[in-house]
């Protein structure tokens, strides 16, 4: 799926991504491309302390007053209310 299509999808839908079920390693995928596409939930393996997990902790634990919530990137259009 292309990034433009994913950005369009996440502007109107809740999205979760997770690694393929055929993966053998327990390492984490790079969550940044998904976050920049507006994906709300990126599944990470907390048993593996690697770059992906450290990025997640840095963004959600230490950013935005430690509230655990971060707004979508500004370039993703917001949902238009039906009038």
N, C-alpha and C. Protein backbone atom coordinates (compact mmCIF):
# COMPACT_ATOMS: atom_id res chain seq x y z
N UNK A 1 0.87 -1.18 0.00
CA UNK A 1 0.00 0.00 0.00
C UNK A 1 0.91 1.24 0.00
N UNK A 2 0.57 2.22 -0.79
CA UNK A 2 1.38 3.43 -0.88
C UNK A 2 1.14 4.37 0.29
N UNK A 3 2.12 5.22 0.58
CA UNK A 3 2.01 6.14 1.71
C UNK A 3 0.87 7.14 1.53
N UNK A 4 0.65 7.62 0.30
CA UNK A 4 -0.44 8.57 0.07
C UNK A 4 -1.80 7.94 0.36
N UNK A 5 -1.97 6.70 -0.09
CA UNK A 5 -3.22 5.99 0.17
C UNK A 5 -3.40 5.71 1.66
N UNK A 6 -2.31 5.35 2.34
CA UNK A 6 -2.38 5.10 3.78
C UNK A 6 -2.71 6.38 4.53
N UNK A 7 -2.12 7.50 4.15
CA UNK A 7 -2.44 8.80 4.79
C UNK A 7 -3.92 9.14 4.60
N UNK A 8 -4.42 8.88 3.41
CA UNK A 8 -5.83 9.14 3.15
C UNK A 8 -6.72 8.25 4.01
N UNK A 9 -6.37 6.99 4.11
CA UNK A 9 -7.14 6.04 4.92
C UNK A 9 -7.14 6.45 6.39
N UNK A 10 -5.96 6.76 6.93
CA UNK A 10 -5.87 7.07 8.36
C UNK A 10 -6.48 8.41 8.72
N UNK A 11 -6.77 9.24 7.71
CA UNK A 11 -7.43 10.51 8.02
C UNK A 11 -8.89 10.29 8.38
N UNK A 12 -9.44 9.13 8.04
CA UNK A 12 -10.85 8.85 8.30
C UNK A 12 -11.10 7.57 9.09
N UNK A 13 -10.06 6.75 9.30
CA UNK A 13 -10.24 5.47 9.96
C UNK A 13 -9.18 5.25 11.03
N UNK A 14 -9.52 4.46 12.02
CA UNK A 14 -8.58 4.02 13.04
C UNK A 14 -7.78 2.86 12.47
N UNK A 15 -6.45 2.89 12.61
CA UNK A 15 -5.61 1.88 12.00
C UNK A 15 -4.60 1.32 12.98
N UNK A 16 -4.35 0.03 12.85
CA UNK A 16 -3.35 -0.66 13.66
C UNK A 16 -2.49 -1.48 12.72
N UNK A 17 -1.18 -1.44 12.91
CA UNK A 17 -0.28 -2.26 12.11
C UNK A 17 0.54 -3.14 13.03
N UNK A 18 0.90 -4.29 12.51
CA UNK A 18 1.69 -5.24 13.27
C UNK A 18 2.54 -6.03 12.30
N UNK A 19 3.62 -6.66 12.78
CA UNK A 19 4.50 -7.40 11.87
C UNK A 19 3.79 -8.59 11.23
N UNK A 20 4.31 -9.02 10.11
CA UNK A 20 3.76 -10.19 9.44
C UNK A 20 3.85 -11.41 10.36
N UNK A 21 2.87 -12.29 10.26
CA UNK A 21 2.86 -13.49 11.07
C UNK A 21 3.95 -14.48 10.72
N UNK A 22 4.58 -14.30 9.57
CA UNK A 22 5.63 -15.22 9.13
C UNK A 22 7.02 -14.80 9.62
N UNK A 23 7.11 -13.69 10.34
CA UNK A 23 8.42 -13.24 10.85
C UNK A 23 8.93 -14.21 11.89
N UNK A 24 10.23 -14.47 11.86
CA UNK A 24 10.85 -15.38 12.83
C UNK A 24 11.55 -14.59 13.94
N UNK A 25 12.18 -13.49 13.60
CA UNK A 25 12.90 -12.70 14.61
C UNK A 25 11.92 -11.95 15.50
N UNK A 26 12.38 -11.60 16.68
CA UNK A 26 11.52 -10.87 17.61
C UNK A 26 11.82 -9.38 17.64
N UNK A 27 12.63 -8.91 16.69
CA UNK A 27 12.95 -7.49 16.62
C UNK A 27 11.75 -6.67 16.16
N UNK A 28 11.78 -5.40 16.47
CA UNK A 28 10.69 -4.50 16.12
C UNK A 28 10.92 -3.86 14.75
N UNK A 29 9.83 -3.57 14.07
CA UNK A 29 9.90 -2.83 12.82
C UNK A 29 10.10 -1.35 13.15
N UNK A 30 10.49 -0.57 12.17
CA UNK A 30 10.66 0.87 12.36
C UNK A 30 9.27 1.51 12.41
N UNK A 31 8.83 2.05 13.56
CA UNK A 31 7.49 2.61 13.67
C UNK A 31 7.32 3.99 13.03
N UNK A 32 8.40 4.68 12.75
CA UNK A 32 8.31 6.07 12.28
C UNK A 32 7.53 6.21 10.97
N UNK A 33 7.78 5.39 9.94
CA UNK A 33 6.98 5.56 8.71
C UNK A 33 5.49 5.39 8.95
N UNK A 34 5.13 4.50 9.85
CA UNK A 34 3.71 4.29 10.15
C UNK A 34 3.13 5.49 10.90
N UNK A 35 3.85 6.00 11.88
CA UNK A 35 3.38 7.18 12.61
C UNK A 35 3.22 8.37 11.68
N UNK A 36 4.18 8.55 10.76
CA UNK A 36 4.11 9.67 9.83
C UNK A 36 2.99 9.51 8.82
N UNK A 37 2.48 8.29 8.69
CA UNK A 37 1.33 8.06 7.81
C UNK A 37 0.01 8.17 8.56
N UNK A 38 0.08 8.45 9.85
CA UNK A 38 -1.13 8.64 10.64
C UNK A 38 -1.66 7.40 11.33
N UNK A 39 -0.93 6.29 11.28
CA UNK A 39 -1.38 5.07 11.95
C UNK A 39 -1.40 5.30 13.45
N UNK A 40 -2.51 4.94 14.08
CA UNK A 40 -2.69 5.22 15.51
C UNK A 40 -2.04 4.18 16.41
N UNK A 41 -1.98 2.94 15.99
CA UNK A 41 -1.42 1.87 16.83
C UNK A 41 -0.41 1.06 16.04
N UNK A 42 0.83 1.07 16.51
CA UNK A 42 1.89 0.27 15.90
C UNK A 42 2.30 -0.77 16.94
N UNK A 43 2.08 -2.04 16.63
CA UNK A 43 2.39 -3.11 17.57
C UNK A 43 3.91 -3.28 17.68
N UNK A 44 4.39 -3.29 18.92
CA UNK A 44 5.82 -3.48 19.17
C UNK A 44 6.01 -4.58 20.20
N UNK A 45 7.14 -5.26 20.12
CA UNK A 45 7.49 -6.30 21.05
C UNK A 45 8.25 -5.67 22.22
N UNK A 46 7.63 -5.63 23.39
CA UNK A 46 8.27 -5.01 24.55
C UNK A 46 9.35 -5.88 25.18
N UNK A 47 9.50 -7.11 24.71
CA UNK A 47 10.55 -7.98 25.22
C UNK A 47 11.88 -7.70 24.54
N UNK A 48 11.83 -6.96 23.44
CA UNK A 48 13.05 -6.64 22.69
C UNK A 48 13.32 -5.15 22.81
N UNK A 49 14.34 -4.80 23.58
CA UNK A 49 14.69 -3.39 23.77
C UNK A 49 15.60 -2.96 22.63
N UNK A 50 15.00 -2.48 21.56
CA UNK A 50 15.76 -2.05 20.40
C UNK A 50 15.36 -0.63 20.01
N UNK A 51 15.81 -0.17 18.87
CA UNK A 51 15.55 1.20 18.44
C UNK A 51 14.07 1.51 18.33
N UNK A 52 13.28 0.58 17.77
CA UNK A 52 11.84 0.81 17.63
C UNK A 52 11.16 1.05 18.96
N UNK A 53 11.52 0.26 19.96
CA UNK A 53 10.92 0.42 21.28
C UNK A 53 11.40 1.70 21.95
N UNK A 54 12.67 2.03 21.79
CA UNK A 54 13.18 3.28 22.37
C UNK A 54 12.52 4.50 21.73
N UNK A 55 12.29 4.46 20.43
CA UNK A 55 11.58 5.55 19.76
C UNK A 55 10.16 5.69 20.30
N UNK A 56 9.49 4.56 20.50
CA UNK A 56 8.14 4.57 21.05
C UNK A 56 8.12 5.18 22.44
N UNK A 57 9.04 4.77 23.30
CA UNK A 57 9.09 5.33 24.65
C UNK A 57 9.42 6.81 24.63
N UNK A 58 10.35 7.19 23.76
CA UNK A 58 10.71 8.60 23.67
C UNK A 58 9.55 9.47 23.21
N UNK A 59 8.77 8.98 22.26
CA UNK A 59 7.67 9.76 21.72
C UNK A 59 6.49 9.81 22.67
N UNK A 60 6.09 8.68 23.22
CA UNK A 60 4.85 8.64 23.99
C UNK A 60 5.05 8.82 25.50
N UNK A 61 6.23 8.54 26.00
CA UNK A 61 6.44 8.71 27.43
C UNK A 61 7.00 10.09 27.77
N UNK A 62 7.79 10.66 26.88
CA UNK A 62 8.49 11.90 27.22
C UNK A 62 8.06 13.11 26.41
N UNK A 63 7.18 12.93 25.45
CA UNK A 63 6.74 14.03 24.59
C UNK A 63 5.33 14.43 25.00
N UNK A 64 4.99 15.67 24.82
CA UNK A 64 3.63 16.15 25.07
C UNK A 64 3.23 16.01 26.54
N UNK A 65 4.15 16.34 27.43
CA UNK A 65 3.83 16.32 28.86
C UNK A 65 3.64 14.93 29.43
N UNK A 66 4.17 13.92 28.79
CA UNK A 66 4.08 12.52 29.25
C UNK A 66 2.66 12.01 29.32
N UNK A 67 1.77 12.55 28.49
CA UNK A 67 0.38 12.10 28.53
C UNK A 67 0.15 10.82 27.73
N UNK A 68 1.10 10.41 26.90
CA UNK A 68 0.94 9.20 26.11
C UNK A 68 0.16 9.40 24.83
N UNK A 69 -0.18 10.63 24.50
CA UNK A 69 -0.98 10.94 23.31
C UNK A 69 -0.24 11.96 22.47
N UNK A 70 -0.20 11.72 21.18
CA UNK A 70 0.46 12.63 20.25
C UNK A 70 -0.49 12.86 19.08
N UNK A 71 -0.67 14.10 18.67
CA UNK A 71 -1.53 14.40 17.53
C UNK A 71 -0.95 13.88 16.24
N UNK A 72 -1.81 13.60 15.27
CA UNK A 72 -1.35 13.17 13.96
C UNK A 72 -0.54 14.28 13.31
N UNK A 73 0.33 13.94 12.36
CA UNK A 73 1.07 14.97 11.65
C UNK A 73 0.13 15.97 10.98
N UNK A 74 0.52 17.22 10.93
CA UNK A 74 -0.35 18.28 10.41
C UNK A 74 -0.65 18.14 8.92
N UNK A 75 0.17 17.41 8.18
CA UNK A 75 -0.08 17.28 6.74
C UNK A 75 -1.16 16.23 6.43
N UNK A 76 -1.63 15.50 7.42
CA UNK A 76 -2.71 14.55 7.20
C UNK A 76 -4.02 15.29 7.41
N UNK A 77 -4.88 15.28 6.40
CA UNK A 77 -6.13 16.05 6.53
C UNK A 77 -7.02 15.47 7.64
N UNK A 78 -7.69 16.35 8.32
CA UNK A 78 -8.58 15.91 9.38
C UNK A 78 -9.92 15.48 8.79
N UNK A 79 -10.68 14.76 9.57
CA UNK A 79 -11.99 14.29 9.12
C UNK A 79 -12.93 15.48 8.99
N UNK A 80 -13.61 15.56 7.88
CA UNK A 80 -14.56 16.65 7.67
C UNK A 80 -15.89 16.22 8.26
N UNK A 81 -16.50 17.11 9.01
CA UNK A 81 -17.81 16.77 9.59
C UNK A 81 -18.89 16.87 8.52
N UNK A 82 -19.84 15.97 8.60
CA UNK A 82 -20.94 15.96 7.64
C UNK A 82 -21.89 17.10 7.98
N UNK A 83 -22.26 17.87 6.99
CA UNK A 83 -23.20 18.99 7.23
C UNK A 83 -24.43 18.84 6.39
